[in-house]
PDB file of N, CA and C in Angstrom:
ATOM      1  N   UNK A   1       3.633 -16.079  -8.271  1.00  0.00           N
ATOM      2  CA  UNK A   1       2.589 -15.339  -7.561  1.00  0.00           C
ATOM      3  C   UNK A   1       1.815 -16.303  -6.670  1.00  0.00           C
ATOM      4  N   UNK A   2       1.472 -15.850  -5.496  1.00  0.00           N
ATOM      5  CA  UNK A   2       0.773 -16.688  -4.531  1.00  0.00           C
ATOM      6  C   UNK A   2      -0.695 -16.841  -4.918  1.00  0.00           C
ATOM      7  N   UNK A   3      -1.212 -18.045  -4.794  1.00  0.00           N
ATOM      8  CA  UNK A   3      -2.606 -18.328  -5.091  1.00  0.00           C
ATOM      9  C   UNK A   3      -3.472 -17.729  -3.982  1.00  0.00           C
ATOM     10  N   UNK A   4      -4.281 -16.736  -4.330  1.00  0.00           N
ATOM     11  CA  UNK A   4      -5.091 -16.051  -3.315  1.00  0.00           C
ATOM     12  C   UNK A   4      -6.211 -16.926  -2.785  1.00  0.00           C
ATOM     13  N   UNK A   5      -6.582 -17.986  -3.504  1.00  0.00           N
ATOM     14  CA  UNK A   5      -7.607 -18.896  -3.028  1.00  0.00           C
ATOM     15  C   UNK A   5      -7.153 -19.663  -1.801  1.00  0.00           C
ATOM     16  N   UNK A   6      -5.854 -19.881  -1.692  1.00  0.00           N
ATOM     17  CA  UNK A   6      -5.311 -20.627  -0.559  1.00  0.00           C
ATOM     18  C   UNK A   6      -4.884 -19.718   0.582  1.00  0.00           C
ATOM     19  N   UNK A   7      -4.970 -18.411   0.400  1.00  0.00           N
ATOM     20  CA  UNK A   7      -4.542 -17.470   1.428  1.00  0.00           C
ATOM     21  C   UNK A   7      -5.360 -17.639   2.708  1.00  0.00           C
ATOM     22  N   UNK A   8      -6.655 -17.835   2.567  1.00  0.00           N
ATOM     23  CA  UNK A   8      -7.507 -18.039   3.735  1.00  0.00           C
ATOM     24  C   UNK A   8      -7.118 -19.291   4.496  1.00  0.00           C
ATOM     25  N   UNK A   9      -6.791 -20.359   3.761  1.00  0.00           N
ATOM     26  CA  UNK A   9      -6.363 -21.600   4.409  1.00  0.00           C
ATOM     27  C   UNK A   9      -5.067 -21.394   5.177  1.00  0.00           C
ATOM     28  N   UNK A  10      -4.143 -20.642   4.589  1.00  0.00           N
ATOM     29  CA  UNK A  10      -2.865 -20.373   5.250  1.00  0.00           C
ATOM     30  C   UNK A  10      -3.094 -19.562   6.517  1.00  0.00           C
ATOM     31  N   UNK A  11      -3.953 -18.537   6.420  1.00  0.00           N
ATOM     32  CA  UNK A  11      -4.217 -17.694   7.588  1.00  0.00           C
ATOM     33  C   UNK A  11      -4.911 -18.459   8.709  1.00  0.00           C
ATOM     34  N   UNK A  12      -5.869 -19.307   8.347  1.00  0.00           N
ATOM     35  CA  UNK A  12      -6.573 -20.090   9.363  1.00  0.00           C
ATOM     36  C   UNK A  12      -5.626 -21.091  10.015  1.00  0.00           C
ATOM     37  N   UNK A  13      -4.806 -21.732   9.205  1.00  0.00           N
ATOM     38  CA  UNK A  13      -3.840 -22.676   9.754  1.00  0.00           C
ATOM     39  C   UNK A  13      -2.842 -22.006  10.672  1.00  0.00           C
ATOM     40  N   UNK A  14      -2.377 -20.821  10.262  1.00  0.00           N
ATOM     41  CA  UNK A  14      -1.434 -20.079  11.091  1.00  0.00           C
ATOM     42  C   UNK A  14      -2.092 -19.618  12.391  1.00  0.00           C
ATOM     43  N   UNK A  15      -3.333 -19.175  12.309  1.00  0.00           N
ATOM     44  CA  UNK A  15      -4.047 -18.765  13.524  1.00  0.00           C
ATOM     45  C   UNK A  15      -4.219 -19.951  14.471  1.00  0.00           C
ATOM     46  N   UNK A  16      -4.479 -21.125  13.924  1.00  0.00           N
ATOM     47  CA  UNK A  16      -4.582 -22.320  14.754  1.00  0.00           C
ATOM     48  C   UNK A  16      -3.261 -22.663  15.418  1.00  0.00           C
ATOM     49  N   UNK A  17      -2.163 -22.490  14.676  1.00  0.00           N
ATOM     50  CA  UNK A  17      -0.847 -22.743  15.256  1.00  0.00           C
ATOM     51  C   UNK A  17      -0.523 -21.752  16.360  1.00  0.00           C
ATOM     52  N   UNK A  18      -0.936 -20.500  16.174  1.00  0.00           N
ATOM     53  CA  UNK A  18      -0.717 -19.489  17.217  1.00  0.00           C
ATOM     54  C   UNK A  18      -1.522 -19.840  18.461  1.00  0.00           C
ATOM     55  N   UNK A  19      -2.762 -20.253  18.262  1.00  0.00           N
ATOM     56  CA  UNK A  19      -3.592 -20.647  19.410  1.00  0.00           C
ATOM     57  C   UNK A  19      -2.994 -21.861  20.113  1.00  0.00           C
ATOM     58  N   UNK A  20      -2.459 -22.794  19.349  1.00  0.00           N
ATOM     59  CA  UNK A  20      -1.819 -23.966  19.933  1.00  0.00           C
ATOM     60  C   UNK A  20      -0.561 -23.608  20.705  1.00  0.00           C
ATOM     61  N   UNK A  21       0.117 -22.557  20.261  1.00  0.00           N
ATOM     62  CA  UNK A  21       1.339 -22.159  20.959  1.00  0.00           C
ATOM     63  C   UNK A  21       1.032 -21.565  22.330  1.00  0.00           C
ATOM     64  N   UNK A  22      -0.178 -21.088  22.532  1.00  0.00           N
ATOM     65  CA  UNK A  22      -0.565 -20.579  23.851  1.00  0.00           C
ATOM     66  C   UNK A  22      -0.706 -21.747  24.826  1.00  0.00           C
ATOM     67  N   UNK A  23      -1.259 -22.846  24.342  1.00  0.00           N
ATOM     68  CA  UNK A  23      -1.462 -24.018  25.189  1.00  0.00           C
ATOM     69  C   UNK A  23      -0.142 -24.744  25.449  1.00  0.00           C
ATOM     70  N   UNK A  24       0.636 -24.990  24.392  1.00  0.00           N
ATOM     71  CA  UNK A  24       1.916 -25.695  24.501  1.00  0.00           C
ATOM     72  C   UNK A  24       2.957 -24.898  23.722  1.00  0.00           C
ATOM     73  N   UNK A  25       3.608 -23.943  24.373  1.00  0.00           N
ATOM     74  CA  UNK A  25       4.492 -23.019  23.656  1.00  0.00           C
ATOM     75  C   UNK A  25       5.600 -23.692  22.850  1.00  0.00           C
ATOM     76  N   UNK A  26       6.219 -24.714  23.390  1.00  0.00           N
ATOM     77  CA  UNK A  26       7.345 -25.345  22.694  1.00  0.00           C
ATOM     78  C   UNK A  26       6.891 -26.022  21.399  1.00  0.00           C
ATOM     79  N   UNK A  27       5.845 -26.819  21.471  1.00  0.00           N
ATOM     80  CA  UNK A  27       5.341 -27.518  20.280  1.00  0.00           C
ATOM     81  C   UNK A  27       4.674 -26.536  19.316  1.00  0.00           C
ATOM     82  N   UNK A  28       3.968 -25.569  19.845  1.00  0.00           N
ATOM     83  CA  UNK A  28       3.274 -24.597  18.998  1.00  0.00           C
ATOM     84  C   UNK A  28       4.223 -23.753  18.191  1.00  0.00           C
ATOM     85  N   UNK A  29       5.307 -23.319  18.792  1.00  0.00           N
ATOM     86  CA  UNK A  29       6.267 -22.503  18.044  1.00  0.00           C
ATOM     87  C   UNK A  29       6.971 -23.310  16.965  1.00  0.00           C
ATOM     88  N   UNK A  30       7.198 -24.581  17.220  1.00  0.00           N
ATOM     89  CA  UNK A  30       7.782 -25.441  16.186  1.00  0.00           C
ATOM     90  C   UNK A  30       6.852 -25.583  14.995  1.00  0.00           C
ATOM     91  N   UNK A  31       5.561 -25.779  15.257  1.00  0.00           N
ATOM     92  CA  UNK A  31       4.581 -25.867  14.170  1.00  0.00           C
ATOM     93  C   UNK A  31       4.445 -24.536  13.451  1.00  0.00           C
ATOM     94  N   UNK A  32       4.497 -23.454  14.197  1.00  0.00           N
ATOM     95  CA  UNK A  32       4.367 -22.132  13.589  1.00  0.00           C
ATOM     96  C   UNK A  32       5.537 -21.847  12.658  1.00  0.00           C
ATOM     97  N   UNK A  33       6.745 -22.202  13.087  1.00  0.00           N
ATOM     98  CA  UNK A  33       7.917 -21.994  12.234  1.00  0.00           C
ATOM     99  C   UNK A  33       7.823 -22.790  10.946  1.00  0.00           C
ATOM    100  N   UNK A  34       7.336 -24.016  11.033  1.00  0.00           N
ATOM    101  CA  UNK A  34       7.234 -24.843   9.832  1.00  0.00           C
ATOM    102  C   UNK A  34       6.074 -24.398   8.937  1.00  0.00           C
ATOM    103  N   UNK A  35       5.040 -23.815   9.513  1.00  0.00           N
ATOM    104  CA  UNK A  35       3.864 -23.417   8.735  1.00  0.00           C
ATOM    105  C   UNK A  35       4.070 -22.094   8.014  1.00  0.00           C
ATOM    106  N   UNK A  36       4.808 -21.189   8.612  1.00  0.00           N
ATOM    107  CA  UNK A  36       4.974 -19.865   8.032  1.00  0.00           C
ATOM    108  C   UNK A  36       6.228 -19.875   7.164  1.00  0.00           C
ATOM    109  N   UNK A  37       6.003 -19.884   5.871  1.00  0.00           N
ATOM    110  CA  UNK A  37       7.111 -19.831   4.920  1.00  0.00           C
ATOM    111  C   UNK A  37       7.442 -18.390   4.589  1.00  0.00           C
ATOM    112  N   UNK A  38       8.412 -18.197   3.736  1.00  0.00           N
ATOM    113  CA  UNK A  38       8.806 -16.830   3.365  1.00  0.00           C
ATOM    114  C   UNK A  38       7.673 -16.029   2.720  1.00  0.00           C
ATOM    115  N   UNK A  39       6.883 -16.680   1.867  1.00  0.00           N
ATOM    116  CA  UNK A  39       5.779 -15.952   1.217  1.00  0.00           C
ATOM    117  C   UNK A  39       4.722 -15.521   2.224  1.00  0.00           C
ATOM    118  N   UNK A  40       4.393 -16.418   3.136  1.00  0.00           N
ATOM    119  CA  UNK A  40       3.387 -16.078   4.144  1.00  0.00           C
ATOM    120  C   UNK A  40       3.897 -14.971   5.063  1.00  0.00           C
ATOM    121  N   UNK A  41       5.183 -14.996   5.385  1.00  0.00           N
ATOM    122  CA  UNK A  41       5.756 -13.955   6.237  1.00  0.00           C
ATOM    123  C   UNK A  41       5.727 -12.604   5.537  1.00  0.00           C
ATOM    124  N   UNK A  42       6.050 -12.586   4.239  1.00  0.00           N
ATOM    125  CA  UNK A  42       6.012 -11.331   3.479  1.00  0.00           C
ATOM    126  C   UNK A  42       4.578 -10.830   3.360  1.00  0.00           C
ATOM    127  N   UNK A  43       3.642 -11.741   3.121  1.00  0.00           N
ATOM    128  CA  UNK A  43       2.229 -11.355   3.028  1.00  0.00           C
ATOM    129  C   UNK A  43       1.737 -10.786   4.349  1.00  0.00           C
ATOM    130  N   UNK A  44       2.110 -11.420   5.444  1.00  0.00           N
ATOM    131  CA  UNK A  44       1.715 -10.938   6.769  1.00  0.00           C
ATOM    132  C   UNK A  44       2.316  -9.564   7.048  1.00  0.00           C
ATOM    133  N   UNK A  45       3.593  -9.388   6.731  1.00  0.00           N
ATOM    134  CA  UNK A  45       4.246  -8.095   6.956  1.00  0.00           C
ATOM    135  C   UNK A  45       3.602  -7.005   6.106  1.00  0.00           C
ATOM    136  N   UNK A  46       3.296  -7.325   4.847  1.00  0.00           N
ATOM    137  CA  UNK A  46       2.649  -6.344   3.971  1.00  0.00           C
ATOM    138  C   UNK A  46       1.266  -5.982   4.497  1.00  0.00           C
ATOM    139  N   UNK A  47       0.525  -6.964   4.991  1.00  0.00           N
ATOM    140  CA  UNK A  47      -0.800  -6.697   5.546  1.00  0.00           C
ATOM    141  C   UNK A  47      -0.737  -5.828   6.792  1.00  0.00           C
ATOM    142  N   UNK A  48       0.243  -6.113   7.650  1.00  0.00           N
ATOM    143  CA  UNK A  48       0.403  -5.293   8.853  1.00  0.00           C
ATOM    144  C   UNK A  48       0.781  -3.862   8.496  1.00  0.00           C
ATOM    145  N   UNK A  49       1.677  -3.705   7.538  1.00  0.00           N
ATOM    146  CA  UNK A  49       2.080  -2.361   7.106  1.00  0.00           C
ATOM    147  C   UNK A  49       0.904  -1.612   6.492  1.00  0.00           C
ATOM    148  N   UNK A  50       0.147  -2.278   5.645  1.00  0.00           N
ATOM    149  CA  UNK A  50      -1.016  -1.645   5.021  1.00  0.00           C
ATOM    150  C   UNK A  50      -2.047  -1.250   6.074  1.00  0.00           C
ATOM    151  N   UNK A  51      -2.302  -2.129   7.041  1.00  0.00           N
ATOM    152  CA  UNK A  51      -3.236  -1.805   8.115  1.00  0.00           C
ATOM    153  C   UNK A  51      -2.772  -0.623   8.942  1.00  0.00           C
ATOM    154  N   UNK A  52      -1.476  -0.575   9.226  1.00  0.00           N
ATOM    155  CA  UNK A  52      -0.914   0.542   9.985  1.00  0.00           C
ATOM    156  C   UNK A  52      -1.087   1.855   9.222  1.00  0.00           C
ATOM    157  N   UNK A  53      -0.777   1.837   7.934  1.00  0.00           N
ATOM    158  CA  UNK A  53      -0.898   3.061   7.137  1.00  0.00           C
ATOM    159  C   UNK A  53      -2.352   3.511   7.018  1.00  0.00           C
ATOM    160  N   UNK A  54      -3.263   2.560   6.884  1.00  0.00           N
ATOM    161  CA  UNK A  54      -4.677   2.920   6.811  1.00  0.00           C
ATOM    162  C   UNK A  54      -5.161   3.509   8.132  1.00  0.00           C
ATOM    163  N   UNK A  55      -4.721   2.923   9.245  1.00  0.00           N
ATOM    164  CA  UNK A  55      -5.117   3.449  10.555  1.00  0.00           C
ATOM    165  C   UNK A  55      -4.573   4.860  10.770  1.00  0.00           C
ATOM    166  N   UNK A  56      -3.363   5.108  10.312  1.00  0.00           N
ATOM    167  CA  UNK A  56      -2.775   6.437  10.450  1.00  0.00           C
ATOM    168  C   UNK A  56      -3.550   7.462   9.629  1.00  0.00           C
ATOM    169  N   UNK A  57      -3.956   7.089   8.413  1.00  0.00           N
ATOM    170  CA  UNK A  57      -4.699   8.039   7.584  1.00  0.00           C
ATOM    171  C   UNK A  57      -6.078   8.326   8.168  1.00  0.00           C
ATOM    172  N   UNK A  58      -6.722   7.310   8.744  1.00  0.00           N
ATOM    173  CA  UNK A  58      -8.043   7.521   9.351  1.00  0.00           C
ATOM    174  C   UNK A  58      -7.916   8.344  10.629  1.00  0.00           C
ATOM    175  N   UNK A  59      -6.831   8.185  11.331  1.00  0.00           N
ATOM    176  CA  UNK A  59      -6.633   8.914  12.565  1.00  0.00           C
ATOM    177  C   UNK A  59      -6.426  10.418  12.316  1.00  0.00           C
ATOM    178  N   UNK A  60      -5.800  10.729  11.207  1.00  0.00           N
ATOM    179  CA  UNK A  60      -5.545  12.135  10.866  1.00  0.00           C
ATOM    180  C   UNK A  60      -6.802  12.845  10.397  1.00  0.00           C
ATOM    181  N   UNK A  61      -7.765  12.103   9.876  1.00  0.00           N
ATOM    182  CA  UNK A  61      -8.980  12.724   9.322  1.00  0.00           C
ATOM    183  C   UNK A  61      -9.880  13.251  10.407  1.00  0.00           C
TER     184      UNK A  61
END
């Protein structure tokens, strides 16, 4: 199970890598690939899916 205390650190680091990829796309994407492991990718996908489902339910109300 992923340590939720470190989730914020992972998200901040990933956001920094994304911002860096805007400035230097080649180096930024390399850092992003190395920073985002399988667990972080699954967590991100689950968060996006949950956000999408919540937005759909609020939109119908």
